[in-house]
Amino acid sequence: MSEAQALLTDAWERGAAHDGAGVCDYASAKANCRIQLEGADGAWPTDEPLITCDRELAADGEYSGGYALRVEGVDSNGQAYASDVLAIGTEDGPRLMNPVFWNSTGIANGNDTSATFDVCA
């Protein structure tokens, strides 16, 4: 968990500084990160997110395995969030799926993005 937690902390520090480009430096897919930032409606993280559970997710066919974290907190607009973040290995080193964690995201379970893994199961 320590590597995933370190990546999350780095992304949080960038987000708390309102550095969207810096947050996306930790993303496994920068274009998706930019879309997530747009969806955050100008909100940013304030306090460091609370990790409520974590587990390893095995690779499944064409999908990457990694280490998943469920995080919770309140964003700068006062909205509570609960998100799942997945740390995966990439050719550029370890990166996060869903680094914009304050935008209440999940980890898709296949091509249907409405079906998500339950990190706390």
PDB file of N, CA and C in Angstrom:
ATOM      1  N   MET A   1       0.818  -1.197   0.000  1.00  0.00           N
ATOM      2  CA  MET A   1       0.000   0.000   0.000  1.00  0.00           C
ATOM      3  C   MET A   1       0.856   1.252   0.000  1.00  0.00           C
ATOM      4  N   SER A   2       2.058   1.191   0.495  1.00  0.00           N
ATOM      5  CA  SER A   2       2.852   2.409   0.680  1.00  0.00           C
ATOM      6  C   SER A   2       3.078   3.170  -0.623  1.00  0.00           C
ATOM      7  N   GLU A   3       3.317   2.449  -1.736  1.00  0.00           N
ATOM      8  CA  GLU A   3       3.523   3.143  -3.010  1.00  0.00           C
ATOM      9  C   GLU A   3       2.236   3.822  -3.469  1.00  0.00           C
ATOM     10  N   ALA A   4       1.114   3.132  -3.354  1.00  0.00           N
ATOM     11  CA  ALA A   4      -0.175   3.719  -3.734  1.00  0.00           C
ATOM     12  C   ALA A   4      -0.484   4.923  -2.852  1.00  0.00           C
ATOM     13  N   GLN A   5      -0.229   4.791  -1.563  1.00  0.00           N
ATOM     14  CA  GLN A   5      -0.480   5.888  -0.636  1.00  0.00           C
ATOM     15  C   GLN A   5       0.428   7.076  -0.946  1.00  0.00           C
ATOM     16  N   ALA A   6       1.681   6.822  -1.293  1.00  0.00           N
ATOM     17  CA  ALA A   6       2.602   7.909  -1.636  1.00  0.00           C
ATOM     18  C   ALA A   6       2.138   8.644  -2.889  1.00  0.00           C
ATOM     19  N   LEU A   7       1.679   7.903  -3.897  1.00  0.00           N
ATOM     20  CA  LEU A   7       1.158   8.542  -5.110  1.00  0.00           C
ATOM     21  C   LEU A   7      -0.072   9.384  -4.789  1.00  0.00           C
ATOM     22  N   LEU A   8      -0.962   8.841  -3.958  1.00  0.00           N
ATOM     23  CA  LEU A   8      -2.158   9.578  -3.563  1.00  0.00           C
ATOM     24  C   LEU A   8      -1.779  10.861  -2.832  1.00  0.00           C
ATOM     25  N   THR A   9      -0.829  10.774  -1.920  1.00  0.00           N
ATOM     26  CA  THR A   9      -0.387  11.960  -1.181  1.00  0.00           C
ATOM     27  C   THR A   9       0.182  13.004  -2.127  1.00  0.00           C
ATOM     28  N   ASP A  10       0.991  12.581  -3.092  1.00  0.00           N
ATOM     29  CA  ASP A  10       1.547  13.522  -4.066  1.00  0.00           C
ATOM     30  C   ASP A  10       0.441  14.188  -4.878  1.00  0.00           C
ATOM     31  N   ALA A  11      -0.541  13.400  -5.335  1.00  0.00           N
ATOM     32  CA  ALA A  11      -1.658  13.962  -6.107  1.00  0.00           C
ATOM     33  C   ALA A  11      -2.466  14.930  -5.243  1.00  0.00           C
ATOM     34  N   TRP A  12      -2.681  14.572  -3.974  1.00  0.00           N
ATOM     35  CA  TRP A  12      -3.406  15.462  -3.066  1.00  0.00           C
ATOM     36  C   TRP A  12      -2.662  16.789  -2.893  1.00  0.00           C
ATOM     37  N   GLU A  13      -1.353  16.735  -2.689  1.00  0.00           N
ATOM     38  CA  GLU A  13      -0.581  17.965  -2.506  1.00  0.00           C
ATOM     39  C   GLU A  13      -0.704  18.872  -3.724  1.00  0.00           C
ATOM     40  N   ARG A  14      -0.638  18.285  -4.920  1.00  0.00           N
ATOM     41  CA  ARG A  14      -0.798  19.083  -6.146  1.00  0.00           C
ATOM     42  C   ARG A  14      -2.212  19.651  -6.235  1.00  0.00           C
ATOM     43  N   GLY A  15      -3.207  18.816  -5.923  1.00  0.00           N
ATOM     44  CA  GLY A  15      -4.591  19.280  -5.969  1.00  0.00           C
ATOM     45  C   GLY A  15      -4.867  20.379  -4.959  1.00  0.00           C
ATOM     46  N   ALA A  16      -4.346  20.229  -3.744  1.00  0.00           N
ATOM     47  CA  ALA A  16      -4.541  21.246  -2.713  1.00  0.00           C
ATOM     48  C   ALA A  16      -3.922  22.575  -3.128  1.00  0.00           C
ATOM     49  N   ALA A  17      -2.907  22.517  -3.997  1.00  0.00           N
ATOM     50  CA  ALA A  17      -2.268  23.726  -4.532  1.00  0.00           C
ATOM     51  C   ALA A  17      -2.960  24.208  -5.812  1.00  0.00           C
ATOM     52  N   HIS A  18      -4.083  23.580  -6.177  1.00  0.00           N
ATOM     53  CA  HIS A  18      -4.852  23.916  -7.392  1.00  0.00           C
ATOM     54  C   HIS A  18      -4.009  23.748  -8.648  1.00  0.00           C
ATOM     55  N   ASP A  19      -3.155  22.751  -8.655  1.00  0.00           N
ATOM     56  CA  ASP A  19      -2.249  22.465  -9.771  1.00  0.00           C
ATOM     57  C   ASP A  19      -2.781  21.263 -10.553  1.00  0.00           C
ATOM     58  N   GLY A  20      -3.730  21.525 -11.443  1.00  0.00           N
ATOM     59  CA  GLY A  20      -4.334  20.448 -12.215  1.00  0.00           C
ATOM     60  C   GLY A  20      -3.337  19.694 -13.068  1.00  0.00           C
ATOM     61  N   ALA A  21      -2.426  20.415 -13.708  1.00  0.00           N
ATOM     62  CA  ALA A  21      -1.408  19.747 -14.529  1.00  0.00           C
ATOM     63  C   ALA A  21      -0.540  18.849 -13.659  1.00  0.00           C
ATOM     64  N   GLY A  22      -0.236  19.301 -12.456  1.00  0.00           N
ATOM     65  CA  GLY A  22       0.552  18.488 -11.534  1.00  0.00           C
ATOM     66  C   GLY A  22      -0.182  17.237 -11.100  1.00  0.00           C
ATOM     67  N   VAL A  23      -1.491  17.357 -10.844  1.00  0.00           N
ATOM     68  CA  VAL A  23      -2.294  16.178 -10.503  1.00  0.00           C
ATOM     69  C   VAL A  23      -2.220  15.179 -11.647  1.00  0.00           C
ATOM     70  N   CYS A  24      -2.378  15.673 -12.873  1.00  0.00           N
ATOM     71  CA  CYS A  24      -2.398  14.786 -14.039  1.00  0.00           C
ATOM     72  C   CYS A  24      -1.035  14.165 -14.330  1.00  0.00           C
ATOM     73  N   ASP A  25       0.037  14.704 -13.754  1.00  0.00           N
ATOM     74  CA  ASP A  25       1.351  14.053 -13.873  1.00  0.00           C
ATOM     75  C   ASP A  25       1.329  12.663 -13.234  1.00  0.00           C
ATOM     76  N   TYR A  26       0.414  12.430 -12.303  1.00  0.00           N
ATOM     77  CA  TYR A  26       0.312  11.146 -11.610  1.00  0.00           C
ATOM     78  C   TYR A  26      -0.726  10.225 -12.242  1.00  0.00           C
ATOM     79  N   ALA A  27      -1.347  10.665 -13.340  1.00  0.00           N
ATOM     80  CA  ALA A  27      -2.427   9.905 -13.972  1.00  0.00           C
ATOM     81  C   ALA A  27      -1.899   8.846 -14.926  1.00  0.00           C
ATOM     82  N   SER A  28      -2.585   7.715 -14.953  1.00  0.00           N
ATOM     83  CA  SER A  28      -2.254   6.679 -15.935  1.00  0.00           C
ATOM     84  C   SER A  28      -2.722   7.095 -17.326  1.00  0.00           C
ATOM     85  N   ALA A  29      -3.713   7.971 -17.402  1.00  0.00           N
ATOM     86  CA  ALA A  29      -4.221   8.484 -18.686  1.00  0.00           C
ATOM     87  C   ALA A  29      -4.494   9.979 -18.518  1.00  0.00           C
ATOM     88  N   LYS A  30      -3.587  10.812 -19.038  1.00  0.00           N
ATOM     89  CA  LYS A  30      -3.686  12.263 -18.838  1.00  0.00           C
ATOM     90  C   LYS A  30      -4.975  12.847 -19.410  1.00  0.00           C
ATOM     91  N   ALA A  31      -5.435  12.359 -20.565  1.00  0.00           N
ATOM     92  CA  ALA A  31      -6.671  12.888 -21.152  1.00  0.00           C
ATOM     93  C   ALA A  31      -7.859  12.624 -20.229  1.00  0.00           C
ATOM     94  N   ASN A  32      -7.927  11.434 -19.650  1.00  0.00           N
ATOM     95  CA  ASN A  32      -9.004  11.129 -18.700  1.00  0.00           C
ATOM     96  C   ASN A  32      -8.906  12.016 -17.468  1.00  0.00           C
ATOM     97  N   CYS A  33      -7.704  12.289 -17.027  1.00  0.00           N
ATOM     98  CA  CYS A  33      -7.504  13.148 -15.869  1.00  0.00           C
ATOM     99  C   CYS A  33      -8.047  14.548 -16.146  1.00  0.00           C
ATOM    100  N   ARG A  34      -7.764  15.076 -17.322  1.00  0.00           N
ATOM    101  CA  ARG A  34      -8.263  16.414 -17.664  1.00  0.00           C
ATOM    102  C   ARG A  34      -9.793  16.431 -17.682  1.00  0.00           C
ATOM    103  N   ILE A  35     -10.404  15.367 -18.183  1.00  0.00           N
ATOM    104  CA  ILE A  35     -11.870  15.272 -18.180  1.00  0.00           C
ATOM    105  C   ILE A  35     -12.392  15.229 -16.742  1.00  0.00           C
ATOM    106  N   GLN A  36     -11.712  14.478 -15.881  1.00  0.00           N
ATOM    107  CA  GLN A  36     -12.118  14.417 -14.475  1.00  0.00           C
ATOM    108  C   GLN A  36     -11.995  15.786 -13.809  1.00  0.00           C
ATOM    109  N   LEU A  37     -10.938  16.536 -14.138  1.00  0.00           N
ATOM    110  CA  LEU A  37     -10.779  17.878 -13.572  1.00  0.00           C
ATOM    111  C   LEU A  37     -11.925  18.783 -13.997  1.00  0.00           C
ATOM    112  N   GLU A  38     -12.315  18.710 -15.267  1.00  0.00           N
ATOM    113  CA  GLU A  38     -13.445  19.511 -15.745  1.00  0.00           C
ATOM    114  C   GLU A  38     -14.719  19.135 -15.000  1.00  0.00           C
ATOM    115  N   GLY A  39     -14.891  17.857 -14.719  1.00  0.00           N
ATOM    116  CA  GLY A  39     -16.078  17.386 -14.012  1.00  0.00           C
ATOM    117  C   GLY A  39     -16.103  17.744 -12.538  1.00  0.00           C
ATOM    118  N   ALA A  40     -14.994  18.217 -12.004  1.00  0.00           N
ATOM    119  CA  ALA A  40     -14.927  18.567 -10.582  1.00  0.00           C
ATOM    120  C   ALA A  40     -15.541  19.934 -10.291  1.00  0.00           C
ATOM    121  N   ASP A  41     -15.976  20.648 -11.325  1.00  0.00           N
ATOM    122  CA  ASP A  41     -16.675  21.933 -11.162  1.00  0.00           C
ATOM    123  C   ASP A  41     -15.916  22.932 -10.301  1.00  0.00           C
ATOM    124  N   GLY A  42     -14.623  23.028 -10.507  1.00  0.00           N
ATOM    125  CA  GLY A  42     -13.824  24.017  -9.793  1.00  0.00           C
ATOM    126  C   GLY A  42     -13.459  23.635  -8.373  1.00  0.00           C
ATOM    127  N   ALA A  43     -13.865  22.464  -7.932  1.00  0.00           N
ATOM    128  CA  ALA A  43     -13.528  22.024  -6.572  1.00  0.00           C
ATOM    129  C   ALA A  43     -12.113  21.461  -6.545  1.00  0.00           C
ATOM    130  N   TRP A  44     -11.503  21.530  -5.380  1.00  0.00           N
ATOM    131  CA  TRP A  44     -10.165  20.990  -5.148  1.00  0.00           C
ATOM    132  C   TRP A  44     -10.179  20.283  -3.803  1.00  0.00           C
ATOM    133  N   PRO A  45      -9.231  19.396  -3.576  1.00  0.00           N
ATOM    134  CA  PRO A  45      -9.183  18.767  -2.251  1.00  0.00           C
ATOM    135  C   PRO A  45      -8.657  19.760  -1.223  1.00  0.00           C
ATOM    136  N   THR A  46      -9.102  19.616  -0.007  1.00  0.00           N
ATOM    137  CA  THR A  46      -8.586  20.467   1.065  1.00  0.00           C
ATOM    138  C   THR A  46      -7.730  19.600   1.985  1.00  0.00           C
ATOM    139  N   ASP A  47      -8.350  18.910   2.916  1.00  0.00           N
ATOM    140  CA  ASP A  47      -7.601  18.028   3.810  1.00  0.00           C
ATOM    141  C   ASP A  47      -7.178  16.761   3.078  1.00  0.00           C
ATOM    142  N   GLU A  48      -6.102  16.161   3.553  1.00  0.00           N
ATOM    143  CA  GLU A  48      -5.646  14.897   2.970  1.00  0.00           C
ATOM    144  C   GLU A  48      -6.766  13.868   3.064  1.00  0.00           C
ATOM    145  N   PRO A  49      -6.997  13.102   1.981  1.00  0.00           N
ATOM    146  CA  PRO A  49      -8.095  12.140   2.011  1.00  0.00           C
ATOM    147  C   PRO A  49      -7.847  11.021   3.022  1.00  0.00           C
ATOM    148  N   LEU A  50      -8.935  10.538   3.597  1.00  0.00           N
ATOM    149  CA  LEU A  50      -8.888   9.430   4.542  1.00  0.00           C
ATOM    150  C   LEU A  50      -9.011   8.124   3.768  1.00  0.00           C
ATOM    151  N   ILE A  51      -8.058   7.224   3.929  1.00  0.00           N
ATOM    152  CA  ILE A  51      -8.131   5.900   3.308  1.00  0.00           C
ATOM    153  C   ILE A  51      -8.974   5.022   4.224  1.00  0.00           C
ATOM    154  N   THR A  52     -10.136   4.577   3.715  1.00  0.00           N
ATOM    155  CA  THR A  52     -11.044   3.783   4.540  1.00  0.00           C
ATOM    156  C   THR A  52     -10.887   2.284   4.314  1.00  0.00           C
ATOM    157  N   CYS A  53     -10.387   1.874   3.163  1.00  0.00           N
ATOM    158  CA  CYS A  53     -10.038   0.476   2.928  1.00  0.00           C
ATOM    159  C   CYS A  53      -9.138   0.389   1.703  1.00  0.00           C
ATOM    160  N   ASP A  54      -8.518  -0.751   1.551  1.00  0.00           N
ATOM    161  CA  ASP A  54      -7.574  -0.935   0.456  1.00  0.00           C
ATOM    162  C   ASP A  54      -7.451  -2.420   0.163  1.00  0.00           C
ATOM    163  N   ARG A  55      -7.070  -2.726  -1.066  1.00  0.00           N
ATOM    164  CA  ARG A  55      -6.804  -4.128  -1.422  1.00  0.00           C
ATOM    165  C   ARG A  55      -6.126  -4.191  -2.777  1.00  0.00           C
ATOM    166  N   GLU A  56      -5.477  -5.312  -3.000  1.00  0.00           N
ATOM    167  CA  GLU A  56      -4.864  -5.566  -4.299  1.00  0.00           C
ATOM    168  C   GLU A  56      -5.941  -6.074  -5.252  1.00  0.00           C
ATOM    169  N   LEU A  57      -5.915  -5.581  -6.491  1.00  0.00           N
ATOM    170  CA  LEU A  57      -6.812  -6.069  -7.540  1.00  0.00           C
ATOM    171  C   LEU A  57      -5.963  -6.801  -8.566  1.00  0.00           C
ATOM    172  N   ALA A  58      -6.309  -8.037  -8.842  1.00  0.00           N
ATOM    173  CA  ALA A  58      -5.570  -8.836  -9.822  1.00  0.00           C
ATOM    174  C   ALA A  58      -5.893  -8.369 -11.236  1.00  0.00           C
ATOM    175  N   ALA A  59      -4.918  -8.501 -12.127  1.00  0.00           N
ATOM    176  CA  ALA A  59      -5.163  -8.213 -13.543  1.00  0.00           C
ATOM    177  C   ALA A  59      -6.215  -9.190 -14.047  1.00  0.00           C
ATOM    178  N   ASP A  60      -7.064  -8.710 -14.940  1.00  0.00           N
ATOM    179  CA  ASP A  60      -8.150  -9.539 -15.466  1.00  0.00           C
ATOM    180  C   ASP A  60      -8.187  -9.377 -16.982  1.00  0.00           C
ATOM    181  N   GLY A  61      -7.544 -10.300 -17.685  1.00  0.00           N
ATOM    182  CA  GLY A  61      -7.531 -10.216 -19.150  1.00  0.00           C
ATOM    183  C   GLY A  61      -6.799  -8.984 -19.623  1.00  0.00           C
ATOM    184  N   GLU A  62      -7.516  -8.078 -20.260  1.00  0.00           N
ATOM    185  CA  GLU A  62      -6.898  -6.874 -20.814  1.00  0.00           C
ATOM    186  C   GLU A  62      -6.805  -5.730 -19.810  1.00  0.00           C
ATOM    187  N   TYR A  63      -7.306  -5.922 -18.589  1.00  0.00           N
ATOM    188  CA  TYR A  63      -7.312  -4.851 -17.607  1.00  0.00           C
ATOM    189  C   TYR A  63      -6.152  -4.992 -16.635  1.00  0.00           C
ATOM    190  N   SER A  64      -5.578  -3.861 -16.277  1.00  0.00           N
ATOM    191  CA  SER A  64      -4.425  -3.836 -15.387  1.00  0.00           C
ATOM    192  C   SER A  64      -4.826  -4.137 -13.955  1.00  0.00           C
ATOM    193  N   GLY A  65      -3.996  -4.879 -13.288  1.00  0.00           N
ATOM    194  CA  GLY A  65      -4.147  -5.063 -11.862  1.00  0.00           C
ATOM    195  C   GLY A  65      -3.389  -3.957 -11.152  1.00  0.00           C
ATOM    196  N   GLY A  66      -3.554  -3.863  -9.879  1.00  0.00           N
ATOM    197  CA  GLY A  66      -2.845  -2.850  -9.117  1.00  0.00           C
ATOM    198  C   GLY A  66      -3.321  -2.844  -7.682  1.00  0.00           C
ATOM    199  N   TYR A  67      -3.080  -1.736  -7.005  1.00  0.00           N
ATOM    200  CA  TYR A  67      -3.468  -1.606  -5.614  1.00  0.00           C
ATOM    201  C   TYR A  67      -4.534  -0.528  -5.505  1.00  0.00           C
ATOM    202  N   ALA A  68      -5.685  -0.888  -4.953  1.00  0.00           N
ATOM    203  CA  ALA A  68      -6.835   0.012  -4.889  1.00  0.00           C
ATOM    204  C   ALA A  68      -6.994   0.603  -3.492  1.00  0.00           C
ATOM    205  N   LEU A  69      -7.377   1.863  -3.463  1.00  0.00           N
ATOM    206  CA  LEU A  69      -7.649   2.578  -2.222  1.00  0.00           C
ATOM    207  C   LEU A  69      -9.047   3.176  -2.299  1.00  0.00           C
ATOM    208  N   ARG A  70      -9.834   3.065  -1.237  1.00  0.00           N
ATOM    209  CA  ARG A  70     -11.086   3.825  -1.105  1.00  0.00           C
ATOM    210  C   ARG A  70     -10.746   5.024  -0.235  1.00  0.00           C
ATOM    211  N   VAL A  71     -11.036   6.209  -0.728  1.00  0.00           N
ATOM    212  CA  VAL A  71     -10.724   7.429   0.008  1.00  0.00           C
ATOM    213  C   VAL A  71     -11.993   8.259   0.186  1.00  0.00           C
ATOM    214  N   GLU A  72     -12.035   8.994   1.282  1.00  0.00           N
ATOM    215  CA  GLU A  72     -13.178   9.845   1.585  1.00  0.00           C
ATOM    216  C   GLU A  72     -12.685  11.175   2.114  1.00  0.00           C
ATOM    217  N   GLY A  73     -13.515  12.194   1.935  1.00  0.00           N
ATOM    218  CA  GLY A  73     -13.188  13.514   2.433  1.00  0.00           C
ATOM    219  C   GLY A  73     -14.235  14.518   2.006  1.00  0.00           C
ATOM    220  N   VAL A  74     -13.872  15.781   2.104  1.00  0.00           N
ATOM    221  CA  VAL A  74     -14.738  16.890   1.714  1.00  0.00           C
ATOM    222  C   VAL A  74     -13.913  17.805   0.826  1.00  0.00           C
ATOM    223  N   ASP A  75     -14.496  18.230  -0.317  1.00  0.00           N
ATOM    224  CA  ASP A  75     -13.750  19.093  -1.235  1.00  0.00           C
ATOM    225  C   ASP A  75     -13.891  20.566  -0.838  1.00  0.00           C
ATOM    226  N   SER A  76     -13.259  21.443  -1.604  1.00  0.00           N
ATOM    227  CA  SER A  76     -13.244  22.872  -1.291  1.00  0.00           C
ATOM    228  C   SER A  76     -14.611  23.530  -1.438  1.00  0.00           C
ATOM    229  N   ASN A  77     -15.572  22.864  -2.078  1.00  0.00           N
ATOM    230  CA  ASN A  77     -16.944  23.374  -2.179  1.00  0.00           C
ATOM    231  C   ASN A  77     -17.828  22.839  -1.056  1.00  0.00           C
ATOM    232  N   GLY A  78     -17.235  22.093  -0.128  1.00  0.00           N
ATOM    233  CA  GLY A  78     -17.985  21.546   0.993  1.00  0.00           C
ATOM    234  C   GLY A  78     -18.729  20.258   0.681  1.00  0.00           C
ATOM    235  N   GLN A  79     -18.445  19.656  -0.479  1.00  0.00           N
ATOM    236  CA  GLN A  79     -19.112  18.419  -0.884  1.00  0.00           C
ATOM    237  C   GLN A  79     -18.316  17.202  -0.415  1.00  0.00           C
ATOM    238  N   ALA A  80     -19.009  16.281   0.228  1.00  0.00           N
ATOM    239  CA  ALA A  80     -18.363  15.031   0.637  1.00  0.00           C
ATOM    240  C   ALA A  80     -18.119  14.170  -0.594  1.00  0.00           C
ATOM    241  N   TYR A  81     -17.037  13.420  -0.576  1.00  0.00           N
ATOM    242  CA  TYR A  81     -16.748  12.486  -1.667  1.00  0.00           C
ATOM    243  C   TYR A  81     -16.312  11.147  -1.094  1.00  0.00           C
ATOM    244  N   ALA A  82     -16.520  10.113  -1.893  1.00  0.00           N
ATOM    245  CA  ALA A  82     -15.990   8.772  -1.639  1.00  0.00           C
ATOM    246  C   ALA A  82     -15.545   8.260  -2.996  1.00  0.00           C
ATOM    247  N   SER A  83     -14.273   7.940  -3.136  1.00  0.00           N
ATOM    248  CA  SER A  83     -13.718   7.543  -4.429  1.00  0.00           C
ATOM    249  C   SER A  83     -12.816   6.335  -4.289  1.00  0.00           C
ATOM    250  N   ASP A  84     -12.686   5.637  -5.402  1.00  0.00           N
ATOM    251  CA  ASP A  84     -11.744   4.530  -5.491  1.00  0.00           C
ATOM    252  C   ASP A  84     -10.630   4.924  -6.446  1.00  0.00           C
ATOM    253  N   VAL A  85      -9.413   4.722  -6.013  1.00  0.00           N
ATOM    254  CA  VAL A  85      -8.223   5.080  -6.775  1.00  0.00           C
ATOM    255  C   VAL A  85      -7.399   3.807  -6.950  1.00  0.00           C
ATOM    256  N   LEU A  86      -6.893   3.583  -8.149  1.00  0.00           N
ATOM    257  CA  LEU A  86      -6.101   2.386  -8.428  1.00  0.00           C
ATOM    258  C   LEU A  86      -4.699   2.789  -8.854  1.00  0.00           C
ATOM    259  N   ALA A  87      -3.695   2.313  -8.130  1.00  0.00           N
ATOM    260  CA  ALA A  87      -2.296   2.517  -8.513  1.00  0.00           C
ATOM    261  C   ALA A  87      -1.887   1.346  -9.400  1.00  0.00           C
ATOM    262  N   ILE A  88      -1.388   1.659 -10.598  1.00  0.00           N
ATOM    263  CA  ILE A  88      -0.981   0.624 -11.551  1.00  0.00           C
ATOM    264  C   ILE A  88       0.422   0.912 -12.056  1.00  0.00           C
ATOM    265  N   GLY A  89       1.083  -0.110 -12.548  1.00  0.00           N
ATOM    266  CA  GLY A  89       2.375   0.057 -13.193  1.00  0.00           C
ATOM    267  C   GLY A  89       2.160   0.420 -14.660  1.00  0.00           C
ATOM    268  N   THR A  90       2.903   1.401 -15.150  1.00  0.00           N
ATOM    269  CA  THR A  90       2.857   1.785 -16.559  1.00  0.00           C
ATOM    270  C   THR A  90       4.283   1.829 -17.082  1.00  0.00           C
ATOM    271  N   GLU A  91       4.434   2.027 -18.381  1.00  0.00           N
ATOM    272  CA  GLU A  91       5.794   2.136 -18.934  1.00  0.00           C
ATOM    273  C   GLU A  91       6.503   3.381 -18.419  1.00  0.00           C
ATOM    274  N   ASP A  92       5.744   4.341 -17.872  1.00  0.00           N
ATOM    275  CA  ASP A  92       6.326   5.543 -17.280  1.00  0.00           C
ATOM    276  C   ASP A  92       6.502   5.422 -15.773  1.00  0.00           C
ATOM    277  N   GLY A  93       6.278   4.226 -15.238  1.00  0.00           N
ATOM    278  CA  GLY A  93       6.367   4.019 -13.802  1.00  0.00           C
ATOM    279  C   GLY A  93       4.982   3.955 -13.190  1.00  0.00           C
ATOM    280  N   PRO A  94       4.889   3.886 -11.874  1.00  0.00           N
ATOM    281  CA  PRO A  94       3.582   3.776 -11.228  1.00  0.00           C
ATOM    282  C   PRO A  94       2.763   5.053 -11.410  1.00  0.00           C
ATOM    283  N   ARG A  95       1.474   4.856 -11.687  1.00  0.00           N
ATOM    284  CA  ARG A  95       0.557   5.974 -11.895  1.00  0.00           C
ATOM    285  C   ARG A  95      -0.793   5.627 -11.274  1.00  0.00           C
ATOM    286  N   LEU A  96      -1.652   6.632 -11.180  1.00  0.00           N
ATOM    287  CA  LEU A  96      -2.981   6.455 -10.605  1.00  0.00           C
ATOM    288  C   LEU A  96      -4.069   6.505 -11.665  1.00  0.00           C
ATOM    289  N   MET A  97      -5.006   5.579 -11.575  1.00  0.00           N
ATOM    290  CA  MET A  97      -6.278   5.740 -12.257  1.00  0.00           C
ATOM    291  C   MET A  97      -7.135   6.539 -11.279  1.00  0.00           C
ATOM    292  N   ASN A  98      -7.800   7.557 -11.755  1.00  0.00           N
ATOM    293  CA  ASN A  98      -8.657   8.428 -10.936  1.00  0.00           C
ATOM    294  C   ASN A  98      -7.865   9.294  -9.954  1.00  0.00           C
ATOM    295  N   PRO A  99      -6.842  10.026 -10.430  1.00  0.00           N
ATOM    296  CA  PRO A  99      -6.114  10.889  -9.505  1.00  0.00           C
ATOM    297  C   PRO A  99      -6.936  12.083  -9.020  1.00  0.00           C
ATOM    298  N   VAL A 100      -8.033  12.402  -9.714  1.00  0.00           N
ATOM    299  CA  VAL A 100      -8.934  13.473  -9.272  1.00  0.00           C
ATOM    300  C   VAL A 100      -9.948  12.826  -8.315  1.00  0.00           C
ATOM    301  N   PHE A 101      -9.433  12.338  -7.215  1.00  0.00           N
ATOM    302  CA  PHE A 101     -10.203  11.521  -6.275  1.00  0.00           C
ATOM    303  C   PHE A 101     -11.334  12.291  -5.615  1.00  0.00           C
ATOM    304  N   TRP A 102     -11.269  13.598  -5.553  1.00  0.00           N
ATOM    305  CA  TRP A 102     -12.304  14.400  -4.906  1.00  0.00           C
ATOM    306  C   TRP A 102     -13.541  14.565  -5.801  1.00  0.00           C
ATOM    307  N   ASN A 103     -13.544  13.891  -6.948  1.00  0.00           N
ATOM    308  CA  ASN A 103     -14.672  13.945  -7.879  1.00  0.00           C
ATOM    309  C   ASN A 103     -15.501  12.654  -7.818  1.00  0.00           C
ATOM    310  N   SER A 104     -15.478  11.949  -6.684  1.00  0.00           N
ATOM    311  CA  SER A 104     -16.274  10.732  -6.451  1.00  0.00           C
ATOM    312  C   SER A 104     -16.274   9.783  -7.645  1.00  0.00           C
ATOM    313  N   THR A 105     -15.163   9.081  -7.811  1.00  0.00           N
ATOM    314  CA  THR A 105     -14.992   8.155  -8.929  1.00  0.00           C
ATOM    315  C   THR A 105     -14.897   6.720  -8.425  1.00  0.00           C
ATOM    316  N   GLY A 106     -15.142   5.785  -9.331  1.00  0.00           N
ATOM    317  CA  GLY A 106     -15.005   4.365  -9.033  1.00  0.00           C
ATOM    318  C   GLY A 106     -14.041   3.734 -10.018  1.00  0.00           C
ATOM    319  N   ILE A 107     -13.765   2.462  -9.842  1.00  0.00           N
ATOM    320  CA  ILE A 107     -12.899   1.706 -10.750  1.00  0.00           C
ATOM    321  C   ILE A 107     -13.801   0.795 -11.566  1.00  0.00           C
ATOM    322  N   ALA A 108     -13.861   1.049 -12.869  1.00  0.00           N
ATOM    323  CA  ALA A 108     -14.758   0.285 -13.743  1.00  0.00           C
ATOM    324  C   ALA A 108     -14.392  -1.193 -13.745  1.00  0.00           C
ATOM    325  N   ASN A 109     -15.419  -2.010 -13.760  1.00  0.00           N
ATOM    326  CA  ASN A 109     -15.258  -3.457 -13.806  1.00  0.00           C
ATOM    327  C   ASN A 109     -15.594  -3.915 -15.223  1.00  0.00           C
ATOM    328  N   GLY A 110     -14.667  -3.707 -16.147  1.00  0.00           N
ATOM    329  CA  GLY A 110     -14.898  -4.053 -17.548  1.00  0.00           C
ATOM    330  C   GLY A 110     -15.251  -2.829 -18.368  1.00  0.00           C
ATOM    331  N   ASN A 111     -15.853  -3.045 -19.517  1.00  0.00           N
ATOM    332  CA  ASN A 111     -16.183  -1.951 -20.426  1.00  0.00           C
ATOM    333  C   ASN A 111     -17.392  -1.146 -19.985  1.00  0.00           C
ATOM    334  N   ASP A 112     -18.217  -1.691 -19.115  1.00  0.00           N
ATOM    335  CA  ASP A 112     -19.389  -0.988 -18.610  1.00  0.00           C
ATOM    336  C   ASP A 112     -18.951  -0.140 -17.423  1.00  0.00           C
ATOM    337  N   THR A 113     -18.822   1.180 -17.641  1.00  0.00           N
ATOM    338  CA  THR A 113     -18.296   2.038 -16.581  1.00  0.00           C
ATOM    339  C   THR A 113     -19.272   2.218 -15.427  1.00  0.00           C
ATOM    340  N   SER A 114     -20.522   1.778 -15.586  1.00  0.00           N
ATOM    341  CA  SER A 114     -21.454   1.872 -14.463  1.00  0.00           C
ATOM    342  C   SER A 114     -21.253   0.721 -13.476  1.00  0.00           C
ATOM    343  N   ALA A 115     -20.555  -0.324 -13.899  1.00  0.00           N
ATOM    344  CA  ALA A 115     -20.245  -1.452 -13.014  1.00  0.00           C
ATOM    345  C   ALA A 115     -18.849  -1.238 -12.448  1.00  0.00           C
ATOM    346  N   THR A 116     -18.741  -1.177 -11.131  1.00  0.00           N
ATOM    347  CA  THR A 116     -17.448  -0.893 -10.517  1.00  0.00           C
ATOM    348  C   THR A 116     -17.061  -1.978  -9.522  1.00  0.00           C
ATOM    349  N   PHE A 117     -15.741  -2.088  -9.292  1.00  0.00           N
ATOM    350  CA  PHE A 117     -15.225  -2.975  -8.253  1.00  0.00           C
ATOM    351  C   PHE A 117     -15.619  -2.404  -6.900  1.00  0.00           C
ATOM    352  N   ASP A 118     -15.851  -3.263  -5.943  1.00  0.00           N
ATOM    353  CA  ASP A 118     -16.061  -2.831  -4.572  1.00  0.00           C
ATOM    354  C   ASP A 118     -14.738  -3.017  -3.840  1.00  0.00           C
ATOM    355  N   VAL A 119     -14.036  -1.930  -3.671  1.00  0.00           N
ATOM    356  CA  VAL A 119     -12.712  -1.979  -3.051  1.00  0.00           C
ATOM    357  C   VAL A 119     -12.797  -2.510  -1.626  1.00  0.00           C
ATOM    358  N   CYS A 120     -13.900  -2.267  -0.950  1.00  0.00           N
ATOM    359  CA  CYS A 120     -14.027  -2.656   0.453  1.00  0.00           C
ATOM    360  C   CYS A 120     -14.578  -4.066   0.653  1.00  0.00           C
ATOM    361  N   ALA A 121     -14.827  -4.791  -0.437  1.00  0.00           N
ATOM    362  CA  ALA A 121     -15.393  -6.150  -0.304  1.00  0.00           C
ATOM    363  C   ALA A 121     -14.352  -7.125   0.203  1.00  0.00           C
TER     364      ALA A 121
END
